[in-house]
């Protein structure tokens, strides 16, 4: 449960910061920042192995991000087909 909560927190923080920046950040910057946040959250949650837990949290956050982007793209495609 700690991993899921940490992943959702990391995802939301990176999403909010990405929204607030005026210019689109490079993908590697987002990956490094989410990894750093994941390590910080794994340290704050007191998880046993910080490196493995941080990587797991970052992976879950990336999976959530990819899944939500996929849902948005499918919804946009469906909406375009309906409007035609």
N, C-alpha and C. Protein backbone atom coordinates (compact mmCIF):
# COMPACT_ATOMS: atom_id res chain seq x y z
N UNK A 1 0.82 -1.19 0.00
CA UNK A 1 0.00 0.00 0.00
C UNK A 1 0.87 1.26 0.00
N UNK A 2 2.03 1.17 0.70
CA UNK A 2 2.93 2.32 0.73
C UNK A 2 3.47 2.64 -0.65
N UNK A 3 3.73 1.60 -1.42
CA UNK A 3 4.25 1.82 -2.77
C UNK A 3 3.21 2.51 -3.65
N UNK A 4 1.97 2.10 -3.54
CA UNK A 4 0.91 2.69 -4.36
C UNK A 4 0.68 4.15 -3.98
N UNK A 5 0.62 4.43 -2.69
CA UNK A 5 0.44 5.81 -2.25
C UNK A 5 1.62 6.68 -2.65
N UNK A 6 2.83 6.15 -2.52
CA UNK A 6 4.01 6.90 -2.95
C UNK A 6 4.01 7.15 -4.44
N UNK A 7 3.60 6.15 -5.22
CA UNK A 7 3.57 6.31 -6.67
C UNK A 7 2.54 7.35 -7.10
N UNK A 8 1.38 7.33 -6.46
CA UNK A 8 0.37 8.34 -6.80
C UNK A 8 0.82 9.73 -6.40
N UNK A 9 1.51 9.85 -5.28
CA UNK A 9 2.03 11.15 -4.86
C UNK A 9 3.10 11.65 -5.82
N UNK A 10 4.00 10.77 -6.21
CA UNK A 10 5.05 11.16 -7.16
C UNK A 10 4.44 11.55 -8.49
N UNK A 11 3.47 10.77 -8.96
CA UNK A 11 2.83 11.09 -10.23
C UNK A 11 2.16 12.46 -10.17
N UNK A 12 1.42 12.71 -9.09
CA UNK A 12 0.67 13.96 -9.01
C UNK A 12 1.60 15.16 -8.88
N UNK A 13 2.68 15.01 -8.11
CA UNK A 13 3.63 16.12 -7.96
C UNK A 13 4.29 16.43 -9.30
N UNK A 14 4.74 15.41 -10.02
CA UNK A 14 5.37 15.66 -11.32
C UNK A 14 4.36 16.23 -12.32
N UNK A 15 3.11 15.78 -12.24
CA UNK A 15 2.08 16.31 -13.14
C UNK A 15 1.81 17.79 -12.85
N UNK A 16 1.69 18.14 -11.59
CA UNK A 16 1.43 19.53 -11.22
C UNK A 16 2.61 20.42 -11.60
N UNK A 17 3.83 19.96 -11.32
CA UNK A 17 4.99 20.77 -11.68
C UNK A 17 5.15 20.88 -13.19
N UNK A 18 4.80 19.85 -13.92
CA UNK A 18 4.85 19.91 -15.38
C UNK A 18 3.82 20.89 -15.92
N UNK A 19 2.67 20.94 -15.27
CA UNK A 19 1.63 21.88 -15.69
C UNK A 19 2.01 23.33 -15.39
N UNK A 20 2.69 23.54 -14.28
CA UNK A 20 3.05 24.89 -13.87
C UNK A 20 4.22 25.49 -14.64
N UNK A 21 5.06 24.65 -15.23
CA UNK A 21 6.19 25.19 -15.98
C UNK A 21 5.72 25.71 -17.33
N UNK A 22 6.22 26.87 -17.74
CA UNK A 22 5.75 27.44 -19.00
C UNK A 22 6.26 26.70 -20.24
N UNK A 23 7.43 26.06 -20.12
CA UNK A 23 8.01 25.37 -21.26
C UNK A 23 8.04 23.87 -20.97
N UNK A 24 7.81 23.07 -21.97
CA UNK A 24 7.81 21.60 -21.81
C UNK A 24 9.21 21.12 -21.46
N UNK A 25 9.31 20.36 -20.37
CA UNK A 25 10.61 19.82 -19.95
C UNK A 25 10.96 18.61 -20.80
N UNK A 26 12.25 18.37 -20.88
CA UNK A 26 12.71 17.20 -21.63
C UNK A 26 12.34 15.93 -20.86
N UNK A 27 12.09 14.83 -21.57
CA UNK A 27 11.66 13.60 -20.88
C UNK A 27 12.65 13.08 -19.84
N UNK A 28 13.94 13.21 -20.10
CA UNK A 28 14.91 12.69 -19.14
C UNK A 28 14.88 13.49 -17.84
N UNK A 29 14.52 14.77 -17.92
CA UNK A 29 14.41 15.59 -16.71
C UNK A 29 13.25 15.10 -15.86
N UNK A 30 12.14 14.75 -16.51
CA UNK A 30 10.99 14.23 -15.78
C UNK A 30 11.31 12.89 -15.12
N UNK A 31 12.04 12.04 -15.82
CA UNK A 31 12.40 10.73 -15.28
C UNK A 31 13.32 10.88 -14.08
N UNK A 32 14.33 11.72 -14.19
CA UNK A 32 15.27 11.93 -13.08
C UNK A 32 14.55 12.55 -11.89
N UNK A 33 13.68 13.51 -12.15
CA UNK A 33 12.95 14.16 -11.06
C UNK A 33 12.00 13.19 -10.37
N UNK A 34 11.34 12.34 -11.14
CA UNK A 34 10.44 11.36 -10.51
C UNK A 34 11.22 10.31 -9.73
N UNK A 35 12.40 9.93 -10.21
CA UNK A 35 13.24 9.01 -9.45
C UNK A 35 13.70 9.64 -8.14
N UNK A 36 14.09 10.90 -8.21
CA UNK A 36 14.51 11.60 -6.99
C UNK A 36 13.37 11.70 -5.99
N UNK A 37 12.19 12.05 -6.48
CA UNK A 37 11.02 12.10 -5.60
C UNK A 37 10.69 10.73 -5.04
N UNK A 38 10.85 9.70 -5.83
CA UNK A 38 10.57 8.34 -5.36
C UNK A 38 11.52 7.93 -4.24
N UNK A 39 12.79 8.27 -4.39
CA UNK A 39 13.75 7.96 -3.33
C UNK A 39 13.42 8.74 -2.05
N UNK A 40 13.01 9.99 -2.21
CA UNK A 40 12.64 10.80 -1.05
C UNK A 40 11.42 10.21 -0.35
N UNK A 41 10.41 9.81 -1.13
CA UNK A 41 9.22 9.22 -0.52
C UNK A 41 9.52 7.87 0.13
N UNK A 42 10.38 7.07 -0.48
CA UNK A 42 10.71 5.79 0.14
C UNK A 42 11.48 6.00 1.44
N UNK A 43 12.30 7.05 1.51
CA UNK A 43 12.99 7.38 2.75
C UNK A 43 12.01 7.89 3.80
N UNK A 44 11.07 8.73 3.38
CA UNK A 44 10.08 9.28 4.32
C UNK A 44 9.14 8.20 4.85
N UNK A 45 8.79 7.23 4.02
CA UNK A 45 7.90 6.16 4.45
C UNK A 45 8.62 5.09 5.28
N UNK A 46 9.94 5.15 5.31
CA UNK A 46 10.71 4.20 6.10
C UNK A 46 10.72 2.80 5.50
N UNK A 47 10.73 2.72 4.20
CA UNK A 47 10.76 1.42 3.54
C UNK A 47 12.15 0.79 3.70
N UNK A 48 12.23 -0.54 3.75
CA UNK A 48 13.49 -1.19 4.12
C UNK A 48 14.66 -0.93 3.17
N UNK A 49 14.50 -1.09 1.87
CA UNK A 49 15.58 -0.88 0.91
C UNK A 49 15.21 0.34 0.07
N UNK A 50 15.86 1.45 0.32
CA UNK A 50 15.47 2.72 -0.30
C UNK A 50 15.65 2.67 -1.82
N UNK A 51 16.73 2.08 -2.29
CA UNK A 51 16.99 2.06 -3.74
C UNK A 51 15.94 1.24 -4.48
N UNK A 52 15.68 0.03 -4.01
CA UNK A 52 14.69 -0.84 -4.67
C UNK A 52 13.29 -0.24 -4.53
N UNK A 53 12.97 0.26 -3.35
CA UNK A 53 11.65 0.84 -3.13
C UNK A 53 11.46 2.09 -3.99
N UNK A 54 12.50 2.91 -4.13
CA UNK A 54 12.41 4.11 -4.97
C UNK A 54 12.20 3.75 -6.43
N UNK A 55 12.90 2.73 -6.89
CA UNK A 55 12.72 2.29 -8.27
C UNK A 55 11.32 1.71 -8.49
N UNK A 56 10.81 0.99 -7.50
CA UNK A 56 9.46 0.43 -7.62
C UNK A 56 8.41 1.53 -7.63
N UNK A 57 8.58 2.53 -6.79
CA UNK A 57 7.63 3.64 -6.76
C UNK A 57 7.68 4.41 -8.07
N UNK A 58 8.88 4.65 -8.60
CA UNK A 58 9.00 5.35 -9.88
C UNK A 58 8.38 4.56 -11.02
N UNK A 59 8.54 3.23 -10.98
CA UNK A 59 7.94 2.39 -12.01
C UNK A 59 6.42 2.43 -11.94
N UNK A 60 5.88 2.36 -10.74
CA UNK A 60 4.42 2.45 -10.59
C UNK A 60 3.90 3.82 -11.03
N UNK A 61 4.64 4.88 -10.71
CA UNK A 61 4.22 6.22 -11.13
C UNK A 61 4.24 6.34 -12.66
N UNK A 62 5.26 5.76 -13.29
CA UNK A 62 5.32 5.76 -14.75
C UNK A 62 4.20 4.96 -15.37
N UNK A 63 3.83 3.86 -14.75
CA UNK A 63 2.73 3.03 -15.24
C UNK A 63 1.41 3.78 -15.13
N UNK A 64 1.19 4.45 -14.02
CA UNK A 64 -0.03 5.26 -13.85
C UNK A 64 -0.08 6.35 -14.90
N UNK A 65 1.05 7.01 -15.13
CA UNK A 65 1.10 8.07 -16.13
C UNK A 65 0.79 7.54 -17.52
N UNK A 66 1.40 6.42 -17.88
CA UNK A 66 1.17 5.84 -19.21
C UNK A 66 -0.28 5.40 -19.37
N UNK A 67 -0.86 4.79 -18.34
CA UNK A 67 -2.24 4.33 -18.42
C UNK A 67 -3.21 5.50 -18.57
N UNK A 68 -2.99 6.56 -17.81
CA UNK A 68 -3.88 7.72 -17.92
C UNK A 68 -3.74 8.42 -19.27
N UNK A 69 -2.52 8.49 -19.79
CA UNK A 69 -2.32 9.07 -21.13
C UNK A 69 -3.02 8.23 -22.20
N UNK A 70 -2.96 6.90 -22.04
CA UNK A 70 -3.63 6.01 -22.98
C UNK A 70 -5.14 6.23 -22.94
N UNK A 71 -5.70 6.35 -21.75
CA UNK A 71 -7.14 6.60 -21.63
C UNK A 71 -7.54 7.93 -22.27
N UNK A 72 -6.72 8.94 -22.07
CA UNK A 72 -7.01 10.25 -22.67
C UNK A 72 -6.96 10.17 -24.19
N UNK A 73 -5.95 9.49 -24.73
CA UNK A 73 -5.84 9.37 -26.19
C UNK A 73 -7.00 8.59 -26.78
N UNK A 74 -7.41 7.51 -26.12
CA UNK A 74 -8.54 6.72 -26.61
C UNK A 74 -9.82 7.55 -26.54
N UNK A 75 -9.99 8.31 -25.47
CA UNK A 75 -11.17 9.17 -25.35
C UNK A 75 -11.20 10.24 -26.42
N UNK A 76 -10.06 10.86 -26.70
CA UNK A 76 -9.99 11.86 -27.76
C UNK A 76 -10.30 11.25 -29.12
N UNK A 77 -9.76 10.07 -29.38
CA UNK A 77 -10.00 9.41 -30.66
C UNK A 77 -11.49 9.05 -30.81
N UNK A 78 -12.09 8.58 -29.75
CA UNK A 78 -13.51 8.23 -29.78
C UNK A 78 -14.35 9.47 -30.01
N UNK A 79 -14.01 10.56 -29.34
CA UNK A 79 -14.77 11.78 -29.49
C UNK A 79 -14.66 12.33 -30.92
N UNK A 80 -13.49 12.23 -31.52
CA UNK A 80 -13.33 12.69 -32.90
C UNK A 80 -14.15 11.86 -33.88
N UNK A 81 -14.20 10.55 -33.64
CA UNK A 81 -14.99 9.69 -34.51
C UNK A 81 -16.47 9.96 -34.37
N UNK A 82 -16.93 10.26 -33.18
CA UNK A 82 -18.34 10.53 -32.95
C UNK A 82 -18.74 11.84 -33.61
N UNK A 83 -17.88 12.84 -33.58
CA UNK A 83 -18.20 14.15 -34.14
C UNK A 83 -18.21 14.14 -35.67
N UNK A 84 -17.58 13.18 -36.31
CA UNK A 84 -17.53 13.17 -37.79
C UNK A 84 -18.77 12.67 -38.37
